[in-house]
Amino acid sequence: MKEYVIQLTHRPGELVGITNLLSPVGVNLKSVAAMAIGDRAIMRFIPDDAIAARNALSSHGVQFEEHEVVVALLENKAGELTGVAATLAEAGINLLALYVVGVSDDLIELAIICDDPKKARKLLE
């Protein structure tokens, strides 16, 4: 699973400009986060088809970052995120982003983007 990060200008139409590149090639967004700070904005998303997303963005000259996603299943209760964050912090792993990509009964599927996905994956197995 991959995550993409795109820097945008904070103005009307920026988000639709990106989604208009992805939807015609059948890319569905499993999870998305967007935020504006001043005159800048950032869009982070996890597509269902990383290859199609990468190709669509690249073919239209969109600059982006691509990150490996680590997935963890957590119980839906207080303290679970604290445990994951503490485990990663103690190992010197820096978090870049977190997404909830699924919820089922008492479980949460958490997508973790960090600076050492291989090490994080081993720690969270």
C-alpha atoms as a PDB file:
ATOM      1  CA  MET A   1       0.000   0.000   0.000  1.00  0.00           C
ATOM      2  CA  LYS A   2       1.275   3.480  -0.887  1.00  0.00           C
ATOM      3  CA  GLU A   3       0.524   7.008   0.265  1.00  0.00           C
ATOM      4  CA  TYR A   4       0.862  10.090  -1.936  1.00  0.00           C
ATOM      5  CA  VAL A   5       1.464  13.657  -0.756  1.00  0.00           C
ATOM      6  CA  ILE A   6       0.814  16.670  -2.974  1.00  0.00           C
ATOM      7  CA  GLN A   7       1.526  20.298  -2.117  1.00  0.00           C
ATOM      8  CA  LEU A   8      -1.198  22.629  -3.379  1.00  0.00           C
ATOM      9  CA  THR A   9      -2.056  26.301  -3.358  1.00  0.00           C
ATOM     10  CA  HIS A  10      -4.965  27.181  -1.061  1.00  0.00           C
ATOM     11  CA  ARG A  11      -7.520  28.284  -3.637  1.00  0.00           C
ATOM     12  CA  PRO A  12     -10.765  26.962  -5.127  1.00  0.00           C
ATOM     13  CA  GLY A  13     -10.360  24.064  -7.547  1.00  0.00           C
ATOM     14  CA  GLU A  14      -6.987  22.720  -6.430  1.00  0.00           C
ATOM     15  CA  LEU A  15      -8.416  19.519  -4.942  1.00  0.00           C
ATOM     16  CA  VAL A  16     -10.726  18.863  -7.875  1.00  0.00           C
ATOM     17  CA  GLY A  17      -7.760  19.332 -10.197  1.00  0.00           C
ATOM     18  CA  ILE A  18      -6.124  16.295  -8.592  1.00  0.00           C
ATOM     19  CA  THR A  19      -9.237  14.153  -8.271  1.00  0.00           C
ATOM     20  CA  ASN A  20     -10.040  14.847 -11.931  1.00  0.00           C
ATOM     21  CA  LEU A  21      -6.752  13.161 -12.830  1.00  0.00           C
ATOM     22  CA  LEU A  22      -7.414  10.105 -10.680  1.00  0.00           C
ATOM     23  CA  SER A  23     -11.075   9.261 -11.165  1.00  0.00           C
ATOM     24  CA  PRO A  24     -11.021   8.881 -14.998  1.00  0.00           C
ATOM     25  CA  VAL A  25      -8.419   6.110 -14.653  1.00  0.00           C
ATOM     26  CA  GLY A  26     -10.492   4.356 -11.979  1.00  0.00           C
ATOM     27  CA  VAL A  27      -8.448   5.307  -8.903  1.00  0.00           C
ATOM     28  CA  ASN A  28     -10.552   5.223  -5.751  1.00  0.00           C
ATOM     29  CA  LEU A  29      -9.236   6.911  -2.614  1.00  0.00           C
ATOM     30  CA  LYS A  30      -9.230   4.504   0.347  1.00  0.00           C
ATOM     31  CA  SER A  31      -8.392   7.385   2.662  1.00  0.00           C
ATOM     32  CA  VAL A  32      -7.704  11.078   2.181  1.00  0.00           C
ATOM     33  CA  ALA A  33      -6.708  14.049   4.299  1.00  0.00           C
ATOM     34  CA  ALA A  34      -6.350  17.641   3.166  1.00  0.00           C
ATOM     35  CA  MET A  35      -5.418  20.728   5.119  1.00  0.00           C
ATOM     36  CA  ALA A  36      -4.708  24.385   4.429  1.00  0.00           C
ATOM     37  CA  ILE A  37      -2.217  26.536   6.286  1.00  0.00           C
ATOM     38  CA  GLY A  38      -2.150  30.117   5.092  1.00  0.00           C
ATOM     39  CA  ASP A  39      -1.935  30.202   1.304  1.00  0.00           C
ATOM     40  CA  ARG A  40      -0.637  26.603   1.034  1.00  0.00           C
ATOM     41  CA  ALA A  41      -2.481  23.301   1.217  1.00  0.00           C
ATOM     42  CA  ILE A  42      -1.485  19.678   1.396  1.00  0.00           C
ATOM     43  CA  MET A  43      -3.345  16.614   0.195  1.00  0.00           C
ATOM     44  CA  ARG A  44      -2.390  13.163   1.467  1.00  0.00           C
ATOM     45  CA  PHE A  45      -4.142  10.059   0.176  1.00  0.00           C
ATOM     46  CA  ILE A  46      -4.009   6.295  -0.051  1.00  0.00           C
ATOM     47  CA  PRO A  47      -5.313   5.043  -3.410  1.00  0.00           C
ATOM     48  CA  ASP A  48      -6.717   1.606  -4.125  1.00  0.00           C
ATOM     49  CA  ASP A  49      -4.400   1.371  -7.163  1.00  0.00           C
ATOM     50  CA  ALA A  50      -0.960   2.872  -6.518  1.00  0.00           C
ATOM     51  CA  ILE A  51       0.384   2.227 -10.018  1.00  0.00           C
ATOM     52  CA  ALA A  52      -2.557   3.947 -11.717  1.00  0.00           C
ATOM     53  CA  ALA A  53      -2.349   6.875  -9.279  1.00  0.00           C
ATOM     54  CA  ARG A  54       1.397   7.288  -9.812  1.00  0.00           C
ATOM     55  CA  ASN A  55       1.005   7.117 -13.602  1.00  0.00           C
ATOM     56  CA  ALA A  56      -1.882   9.612 -13.643  1.00  0.00           C
ATOM     57  CA  LEU A  57       0.000  12.122 -11.513  1.00  0.00           C
ATOM     58  CA  SER A  58       3.308  11.694 -13.360  1.00  0.00           C
ATOM     59  CA  SER A  59       1.775  11.918 -16.824  1.00  0.00           C
ATOM     60  CA  HIS A  60       0.255  15.296 -15.914  1.00  0.00           C
ATOM     61  CA  GLY A  61       3.451  16.691 -14.370  1.00  0.00           C
ATOM     62  CA  VAL A  62       2.131  16.716 -10.801  1.00  0.00           C
ATOM     63  CA  GLN A  63       4.935  16.707  -8.236  1.00  0.00           C
ATOM     64  CA  PHE A  64       4.318  14.303  -5.377  1.00  0.00           C
ATOM     65  CA  GLU A  65       5.956  12.273  -2.635  1.00  0.00           C
ATOM     66  CA  GLU A  66       5.286   8.548  -2.381  1.00  0.00           C
ATOM     67  CA  HIS A  67       5.552   6.640   0.904  1.00  0.00           C
ATOM     68  CA  GLU A  68       5.190   3.028   1.940  1.00  0.00           C
ATOM     69  CA  VAL A  69       2.249   2.400   4.284  1.00  0.00           C
ATOM     70  CA  VAL A  70       2.450   0.175   7.357  1.00  0.00           C
ATOM     71  CA  VAL A  71      -0.900  -1.243   8.439  1.00  0.00           C
ATOM     72  CA  ALA A  72      -1.740  -2.112  12.033  1.00  0.00           C
ATOM     73  CA  LEU A  73      -4.938  -3.584  13.457  1.00  0.00           C
ATOM     74  CA  LEU A  74      -5.825  -2.048  16.802  1.00  0.00           C
ATOM     75  CA  GLU A  75      -8.580  -2.679  19.289  1.00  0.00           C
ATOM     76  CA  ASN A  76     -11.060   0.189  19.319  1.00  0.00           C
ATOM     77  CA  LYS A  77     -10.329   1.290  22.878  1.00  0.00           C
ATOM     78  CA  ALA A  78      -8.485   3.987  24.789  1.00  0.00           C
ATOM     79  CA  GLY A  79      -4.709   3.634  24.865  1.00  0.00           C
ATOM     80  CA  GLU A  80      -4.200   1.604  21.694  1.00  0.00           C
ATOM     81  CA  LEU A  81      -2.774   4.510  19.693  1.00  0.00           C
ATOM     82  CA  THR A  82      -0.611   5.470  22.673  1.00  0.00           C
ATOM     83  CA  GLY A  83       0.908   1.993  22.642  1.00  0.00           C
ATOM     84  CA  VAL A  84       1.708   2.118  18.928  1.00  0.00           C
ATOM     85  CA  ALA A  85       3.110   5.648  19.119  1.00  0.00           C
ATOM     86  CA  ALA A  86       5.263   4.769  22.148  1.00  0.00           C
ATOM     87  CA  THR A  87       6.619   1.608  20.499  1.00  0.00           C
ATOM     88  CA  LEU A  88       7.638   3.538  17.399  1.00  0.00           C
ATOM     89  CA  ALA A  89       9.049   6.501  19.356  1.00  0.00           C
ATOM     90  CA  GLU A  90      11.157   4.237  21.575  1.00  0.00           C
ATOM     91  CA  ALA A  91      12.648   2.721  18.405  1.00  0.00           C
ATOM     92  CA  GLY A  92      13.480   6.189  17.053  1.00  0.00           C
ATOM     93  CA  ILE A  93      10.863   6.032  14.299  1.00  0.00           C
ATOM     94  CA  ASN A  94       9.333   9.366  13.320  1.00  0.00           C
ATOM     95  CA  LEU A  95       5.661   9.462  12.288  1.00  0.00           C
ATOM     96  CA  LEU A  96       4.726  11.400   9.145  1.00  0.00           C
ATOM     97  CA  ALA A  97       0.987  10.638   9.022  1.00  0.00           C
ATOM     98  CA  LEU A  98      -1.720   8.340  10.364  1.00  0.00           C
ATOM     99  CA  TYR A  99      -4.999   7.343   8.713  1.00  0.00           C
ATOM    100  CA  VAL A 100      -7.940   5.252   9.782  1.00  0.00           C
ATOM    101  CA  VAL A 101      -8.587   3.086   6.722  1.00  0.00           C
ATOM    102  CA  GLY A 102     -11.109   0.701   8.213  1.00  0.00           C
ATOM    103  CA  VAL A 103     -13.360   0.125  11.197  1.00  0.00           C
ATOM    104  CA  SER A 104     -15.053  -3.181  11.926  1.00  0.00           C
ATOM    105  CA  ASP A 105     -16.859  -3.837  15.190  1.00  0.00           C
ATOM    106  CA  ASP A 106     -14.138  -3.473  17.831  1.00  0.00           C
ATOM    107  CA  LEU A 107     -11.121  -3.222  15.472  1.00  0.00           C
ATOM    108  CA  ILE A 108      -9.545  -0.276  13.698  1.00  0.00           C
ATOM    109  CA  GLU A 109      -7.255  -0.604  10.677  1.00  0.00           C
ATOM    110  CA  LEU A 110      -4.628   2.104  11.031  1.00  0.00           C
ATOM    111  CA  ALA A 111      -2.340   3.168   8.179  1.00  0.00           C
ATOM    112  CA  ILE A 112       1.003   4.461   9.435  1.00  0.00           C
ATOM    113  CA  ILE A 113       3.414   6.522   7.359  1.00  0.00           C
ATOM    114  CA  CYS A 114       6.830   6.863   8.976  1.00  0.00           C
ATOM    115  CA  ASP A 115      10.506   7.361   8.206  1.00  0.00           C
ATOM    116  CA  ASP A 116      11.389   3.642   8.594  1.00  0.00           C
ATOM    117  CA  PRO A 117       8.479   1.458   7.420  1.00  0.00           C
ATOM    118  CA  LYS A 118      10.508  -1.761   7.390  1.00  0.00           C
ATOM    119  CA  LYS A 119      11.497  -1.364  11.042  1.00  0.00           C
ATOM    120  CA  ALA A 120       7.971  -0.238  12.027  1.00  0.00           C
ATOM    121  CA  ARG A 121       6.403  -3.255  10.327  1.00  0.00           C
ATOM    122  CA  LYS A 122       8.679  -5.609  12.283  1.00  0.00           C
ATOM    123  CA  LEU A 123       7.922  -3.888  15.591  1.00  0.00           C
ATOM    124  CA  LEU A 124       4.158  -3.959  15.063  1.00  0.00           C
ATOM    125  CA  GLU A 125       3.850  -7.583  13.873  1.00  0.00           C
END
